[in-house]
Amino acid sequence: QVQLVESGGGLVQPGGSLRLSCAVSGIIVSSDTMYWYRQVLGKEREWVALITSGGSTSYTDSVKGRFTISRDAAKNTISLQMDSLRPEDTAVYYCGARGRWGQGTQVSVST
């Protein structure tokens, strides 16, 4: 059974950092492409980052140079390090793979 559980969200000031984590079961994170998406209430879910089974990473333009996706094969988790956060990064962040998603974690960037 596939299960993804995100954690690490919270409230941070502009310019600050957060690290999101996703605990995964039912999928081996080093054998599949893993994704981070985000969604603002009333808008469509937006792709943020991915990491392939080969370790290649890709990011949407708005987060390049600020966000870093990674994985820990031993713990079977993926992470999203978010630096230089902006108010427009405020959203619910989801990890996913094979069309399955976690419950999301709220990230709010505000003074």
N, C-alpha and C. Protein backbone atom coordinates (compact mmCIF):
# COMPACT_ATOMS: atom_id res chain seq x y z
N GLN A 1 0.84 -1.18 0.00
CA GLN A 1 0.00 0.00 0.00
C GLN A 1 0.88 1.25 0.00
N VAL A 2 0.61 2.16 -0.92
CA VAL A 2 1.40 3.37 -1.04
C VAL A 2 0.92 4.41 -0.02
N GLN A 3 1.87 4.97 0.72
CA GLN A 3 1.55 6.02 1.67
C GLN A 3 2.66 7.06 1.65
N LEU A 4 2.26 8.34 1.62
CA LEU A 4 3.20 9.45 1.64
C LEU A 4 2.74 10.42 2.72
N VAL A 5 3.65 10.80 3.59
CA VAL A 5 3.31 11.68 4.70
C VAL A 5 4.29 12.84 4.74
N GLU A 6 3.78 14.04 4.46
CA GLU A 6 4.61 15.24 4.47
C GLU A 6 4.68 15.85 5.87
N SER A 7 5.79 16.53 6.12
CA SER A 7 5.96 17.26 7.38
C SER A 7 6.93 18.40 7.16
N GLY A 8 6.99 19.31 8.13
CA GLY A 8 7.98 20.37 8.09
C GLY A 8 7.47 21.74 7.69
N GLY A 9 6.20 21.84 7.36
CA GLY A 9 5.65 23.14 6.99
C GLY A 9 5.54 24.06 8.19
N GLY A 10 5.20 25.30 7.92
CA GLY A 10 5.04 26.26 9.00
C GLY A 10 5.00 27.68 8.48
N LEU A 11 5.11 28.61 9.41
CA LEU A 11 5.11 30.04 9.08
C LEU A 11 6.54 30.56 9.16
N VAL A 12 6.96 31.26 8.12
CA VAL A 12 8.31 31.80 8.07
C VAL A 12 8.27 33.18 7.45
N GLN A 13 9.22 34.02 7.83
CA GLN A 13 9.30 35.36 7.26
C GLN A 13 9.94 35.32 5.88
N PRO A 14 9.63 36.29 5.04
CA PRO A 14 10.30 36.36 3.72
C PRO A 14 11.82 36.33 3.89
N GLY A 15 12.46 35.57 3.03
CA GLY A 15 13.91 35.39 3.11
C GLY A 15 14.33 34.23 3.97
N GLY A 16 13.40 33.64 4.68
CA GLY A 16 13.71 32.53 5.56
C GLY A 16 13.76 31.19 4.84
N SER A 17 13.95 30.13 5.62
CA SER A 17 14.10 28.78 5.07
C SER A 17 13.19 27.80 5.81
N LEU A 18 12.81 26.77 5.08
CA LEU A 18 12.11 25.62 5.65
C LEU A 18 12.59 24.37 4.93
N ARG A 19 12.51 23.26 5.63
CA ARG A 19 12.84 21.98 5.02
C ARG A 19 11.64 21.05 5.18
N LEU A 20 11.08 20.65 4.05
CA LEU A 20 9.97 19.71 4.06
C LEU A 20 10.49 18.30 3.90
N SER A 21 9.82 17.37 4.55
CA SER A 21 10.17 15.96 4.42
C SER A 21 8.94 15.16 4.04
N CYS A 22 9.17 14.04 3.40
CA CYS A 22 8.07 13.15 3.00
C CYS A 22 8.50 11.72 3.28
N ALA A 23 7.82 11.09 4.21
CA ALA A 23 8.06 9.68 4.51
C ALA A 23 7.23 8.83 3.56
N VAL A 24 7.89 7.90 2.91
CA VAL A 24 7.25 7.13 1.84
C VAL A 24 7.24 5.64 2.19
N SER A 25 6.12 5.00 1.94
CA SER A 25 6.04 3.55 2.04
C SER A 25 5.28 3.03 0.82
N GLY A 26 5.64 1.82 0.41
CA GLY A 26 5.00 1.23 -0.76
C GLY A 26 5.66 1.60 -2.09
N ILE A 27 6.59 2.54 -2.05
CA ILE A 27 7.38 2.96 -3.21
C ILE A 27 8.82 3.12 -2.72
N ILE A 28 9.76 2.63 -3.50
CA ILE A 28 11.17 2.82 -3.16
C ILE A 28 11.61 4.13 -3.81
N VAL A 29 11.96 5.12 -3.00
CA VAL A 29 12.20 6.47 -3.54
C VAL A 29 13.37 6.50 -4.51
N SER A 30 14.33 5.58 -4.37
CA SER A 30 15.48 5.58 -5.26
C SER A 30 15.20 4.84 -6.57
N SER A 31 14.02 4.26 -6.68
CA SER A 31 13.67 3.48 -7.88
C SER A 31 12.58 4.13 -8.71
N ASP A 32 12.12 5.29 -8.29
CA ASP A 32 10.99 5.93 -8.95
C ASP A 32 11.24 7.43 -9.03
N THR A 33 10.54 8.09 -9.94
CA THR A 33 10.57 9.55 -9.97
C THR A 33 9.63 10.07 -8.88
N MET A 34 10.16 10.94 -8.06
CA MET A 34 9.41 11.51 -6.95
C MET A 34 9.21 13.00 -7.19
N TYR A 35 8.08 13.52 -6.76
CA TYR A 35 7.70 14.89 -7.07
C TYR A 35 7.33 15.68 -5.82
N TRP A 36 7.51 16.97 -5.91
CA TRP A 36 6.89 17.94 -5.01
C TRP A 36 6.00 18.85 -5.87
N TYR A 37 4.79 19.01 -5.41
CA TYR A 37 3.85 19.95 -6.01
C TYR A 37 3.38 20.91 -4.91
N ARG A 38 2.73 21.98 -5.32
CA ARG A 38 2.12 22.90 -4.35
C ARG A 38 0.80 23.41 -4.90
N GLN A 39 -0.06 23.82 -4.00
CA GLN A 39 -1.36 24.30 -4.42
C GLN A 39 -1.83 25.43 -3.52
N VAL A 40 -2.27 26.51 -4.15
CA VAL A 40 -2.89 27.63 -3.46
C VAL A 40 -4.39 27.45 -3.56
N LEU A 41 -5.08 27.73 -2.50
CA LEU A 41 -6.53 27.57 -2.46
C LEU A 41 -7.18 28.27 -3.66
N GLY A 42 -7.97 27.52 -4.40
CA GLY A 42 -8.66 28.08 -5.55
C GLY A 42 -7.90 28.02 -6.85
N LYS A 43 -6.65 27.51 -6.78
CA LYS A 43 -5.84 27.40 -7.99
C LYS A 43 -5.46 25.94 -8.24
N GLU A 44 -4.99 25.68 -9.45
CA GLU A 44 -4.57 24.32 -9.78
C GLU A 44 -3.26 23.97 -9.08
N ARG A 45 -3.08 22.67 -8.87
CA ARG A 45 -1.83 22.20 -8.29
C ARG A 45 -0.69 22.48 -9.26
N GLU A 46 0.43 22.96 -8.74
CA GLU A 46 1.57 23.37 -9.55
C GLU A 46 2.77 22.48 -9.25
N TRP A 47 3.39 21.98 -10.31
CA TRP A 47 4.61 21.20 -10.12
C TRP A 47 5.74 22.09 -9.64
N VAL A 48 6.52 21.61 -8.68
CA VAL A 48 7.62 22.38 -8.11
C VAL A 48 8.98 21.76 -8.45
N ALA A 49 9.12 20.45 -8.20
CA ALA A 49 10.43 19.81 -8.37
C ALA A 49 10.24 18.32 -8.53
N LEU A 50 11.25 17.68 -9.12
CA LEU A 50 11.26 16.23 -9.21
C LEU A 50 12.67 15.71 -9.10
N ILE A 51 12.76 14.46 -8.71
CA ILE A 51 14.03 13.75 -8.70
C ILE A 51 13.80 12.38 -9.30
N THR A 52 14.60 12.03 -10.29
CA THR A 52 14.42 10.75 -10.98
C THR A 52 15.13 9.62 -10.24
N SER A 53 14.89 8.40 -10.70
CA SER A 53 15.56 7.26 -10.10
C SER A 53 17.08 7.36 -10.28
N GLY A 54 17.50 8.03 -11.34
CA GLY A 54 18.92 8.21 -11.58
C GLY A 54 19.54 9.36 -10.80
N GLY A 55 18.70 10.10 -10.09
CA GLY A 55 19.21 11.19 -9.27
C GLY A 55 19.17 12.55 -9.94
N SER A 56 18.69 12.60 -11.17
CA SER A 56 18.57 13.90 -11.84
C SER A 56 17.43 14.69 -11.22
N THR A 57 17.63 16.01 -11.15
CA THR A 57 16.62 16.87 -10.56
C THR A 57 16.16 17.93 -11.56
N SER A 58 14.97 18.43 -11.35
CA SER A 58 14.42 19.48 -12.20
C SER A 58 13.48 20.33 -11.36
N TYR A 59 13.41 21.62 -11.71
CA TYR A 59 12.64 22.57 -10.92
C TYR A 59 11.83 23.50 -11.82
N THR A 60 10.70 23.94 -11.32
CA THR A 60 9.99 24.99 -12.01
C THR A 60 10.81 26.28 -11.93
N ASP A 61 10.68 27.13 -12.91
CA ASP A 61 11.55 28.30 -13.01
C ASP A 61 11.51 29.19 -11.77
N SER A 62 10.35 29.32 -11.16
CA SER A 62 10.21 30.27 -10.05
C SER A 62 10.97 29.85 -8.80
N VAL A 63 11.40 28.60 -8.71
CA VAL A 63 12.11 28.15 -7.50
C VAL A 63 13.56 27.76 -7.78
N LYS A 64 13.98 27.83 -9.03
CA LYS A 64 15.37 27.46 -9.36
C LYS A 64 16.35 28.33 -8.59
N GLY A 65 17.36 27.68 -8.03
CA GLY A 65 18.36 28.39 -7.25
C GLY A 65 17.96 28.64 -5.81
N ARG A 66 16.72 28.36 -5.46
CA ARG A 66 16.24 28.58 -4.08
C ARG A 66 15.82 27.27 -3.41
N PHE A 67 15.27 26.34 -4.17
CA PHE A 67 14.79 25.08 -3.62
C PHE A 67 15.70 23.94 -4.07
N THR A 68 15.83 22.93 -3.22
CA THR A 68 16.63 21.74 -3.55
C THR A 68 15.87 20.50 -3.12
N ILE A 69 15.64 19.62 -4.08
CA ILE A 69 15.00 18.34 -3.78
C ILE A 69 16.09 17.29 -3.56
N SER A 70 15.86 16.39 -2.62
CA SER A 70 16.83 15.33 -2.36
C SER A 70 16.10 14.11 -1.84
N ARG A 71 16.84 13.02 -1.72
CA ARG A 71 16.24 11.80 -1.17
C ARG A 71 17.23 11.12 -0.26
N ASP A 72 16.69 10.34 0.64
CA ASP A 72 17.49 9.52 1.56
C ASP A 72 17.03 8.08 1.35
N ALA A 73 17.83 7.31 0.63
CA ALA A 73 17.44 5.95 0.29
C ALA A 73 17.33 5.07 1.54
N ALA A 74 18.19 5.31 2.50
CA ALA A 74 18.18 4.48 3.72
C ALA A 74 16.89 4.67 4.51
N LYS A 75 16.40 5.92 4.53
CA LYS A 75 15.17 6.21 5.28
C LYS A 75 13.94 6.14 4.40
N ASN A 76 14.16 6.03 3.08
CA ASN A 76 13.07 6.05 2.10
C ASN A 76 12.22 7.32 2.23
N THR A 77 12.91 8.43 2.24
CA THR A 77 12.25 9.73 2.34
C THR A 77 12.75 10.65 1.23
N ILE A 78 11.95 11.66 0.93
CA ILE A 78 12.41 12.74 0.08
C ILE A 78 12.25 14.05 0.84
N SER A 79 13.02 15.05 0.46
CA SER A 79 13.00 16.33 1.15
C SER A 79 12.97 17.46 0.13
N LEU A 80 12.55 18.60 0.61
CA LEU A 80 12.59 19.82 -0.20
C LEU A 80 13.14 20.93 0.69
N GLN A 81 14.38 21.32 0.45
CA GLN A 81 14.99 22.44 1.16
C GLN A 81 14.58 23.72 0.45
N MET A 82 13.96 24.61 1.18
CA MET A 82 13.45 25.85 0.58
C MET A 82 14.14 27.04 1.24
N ASP A 83 14.91 27.76 0.47
CA ASP A 83 15.63 28.94 0.96
C ASP A 83 15.12 30.19 0.27
N SER A 84 15.46 31.33 0.85
CA SER A 84 15.05 32.62 0.27
C SER A 84 13.56 32.63 -0.05
N LEU A 85 12.78 32.21 0.90
CA LEU A 85 11.34 32.08 0.67
C LEU A 85 10.69 33.43 0.43
N ARG A 86 9.67 33.40 -0.41
CA ARG A 86 8.92 34.60 -0.80
C ARG A 86 7.44 34.42 -0.45
N PRO A 87 6.72 35.49 -0.29
CA PRO A 87 5.28 35.35 0.00
C PRO A 87 4.55 34.52 -1.06
N GLU A 88 4.99 34.59 -2.30
CA GLU A 88 4.32 33.82 -3.35
C GLU A 88 4.60 32.33 -3.28
N ASP A 89 5.48 31.91 -2.38
CA ASP A 89 5.70 30.47 -2.15
C ASP A 89 4.66 29.90 -1.19
N THR A 90 3.83 30.74 -0.62
CA THR A 90 2.79 30.26 0.30
C THR A 90 1.83 29.32 -0.43
N ALA A 91 1.68 28.12 0.12
CA ALA A 91 0.84 27.09 -0.50
C ALA A 91 0.83 25.87 0.39
N VAL A 92 -0.01 24.91 0.03
CA VAL A 92 0.09 23.57 0.61
C VAL A 92 1.01 22.77 -0.31
N TYR A 93 2.01 22.14 0.28
CA TYR A 93 3.00 21.38 -0.47
C TYR A 93 2.73 19.89 -0.33
N TYR A 94 2.78 19.19 -1.48
CA TYR A 94 2.49 17.77 -1.53
C TYR A 94 3.67 17.02 -2.14
N CYS A 95 3.98 15.86 -1.60
CA CYS A 95 4.90 14.97 -2.29
C CYS A 95 4.07 13.89 -2.98
N GLY A 96 4.64 13.33 -4.04
CA GLY A 96 3.88 12.35 -4.78
C GLY A 96 4.72 11.49 -5.69
N ALA A 97 4.10 10.38 -6.11
CA ALA A 97 4.71 9.48 -7.08
C ALA A 97 3.62 8.53 -7.57
N ARG A 98 3.76 8.12 -8.82
CA ARG A 98 2.81 7.18 -9.42
C ARG A 98 1.36 7.63 -9.25
N GLY A 99 1.13 8.93 -9.29
CA GLY A 99 -0.23 9.44 -9.18
C GLY A 99 -0.80 9.44 -7.78
N ARG A 100 0.02 9.14 -6.80
CA ARG A 100 -0.43 9.13 -5.41
C ARG A 100 0.16 10.33 -4.68
N TRP A 101 -0.58 10.86 -3.71
CA TRP A 101 -0.17 12.07 -3.01
C TRP A 101 -0.39 11.94 -1.52
N GLY A 102 0.39 12.71 -0.78
CA GLY A 102 0.17 12.78 0.65
C GLY A 102 -0.94 13.77 0.97
N GLN A 103 -1.06 14.07 2.26
CA GLN A 103 -2.13 14.98 2.71
C GLN A 103 -1.71 16.43 2.62
N GLY A 104 -0.42 16.67 2.42
CA GLY A 104 0.07 18.03 2.25
C GLY A 104 0.51 18.65 3.56
N THR A 105 1.37 19.67 3.44
CA THR A 105 1.81 20.44 4.60
C THR A 105 1.80 21.92 4.21
N GLN A 106 1.26 22.75 5.09
CA GLN A 106 1.07 24.16 4.78
C GLN A 106 2.38 24.94 4.98
N VAL A 107 2.73 25.71 3.99
CA VAL A 107 3.85 26.64 4.09
C VAL A 107 3.30 28.05 3.92
N SER A 108 3.58 28.89 4.90
CA SER A 108 3.13 30.28 4.84
C SER A 108 4.32 31.20 5.00
N VAL A 109 4.47 32.13 4.06
CA VAL A 109 5.59 33.08 4.09
C VAL A 109 5.00 34.47 4.24
N SER A 110 5.24 35.06 5.40
CA SER A 110 4.61 36.35 5.70
C SER A 110 5.34 37.04 6.82
N THR A 111 5.21 38.37 6.85
CA THR A 111 5.75 39.13 7.96
C THR A 111 4.74 39.17 9.09
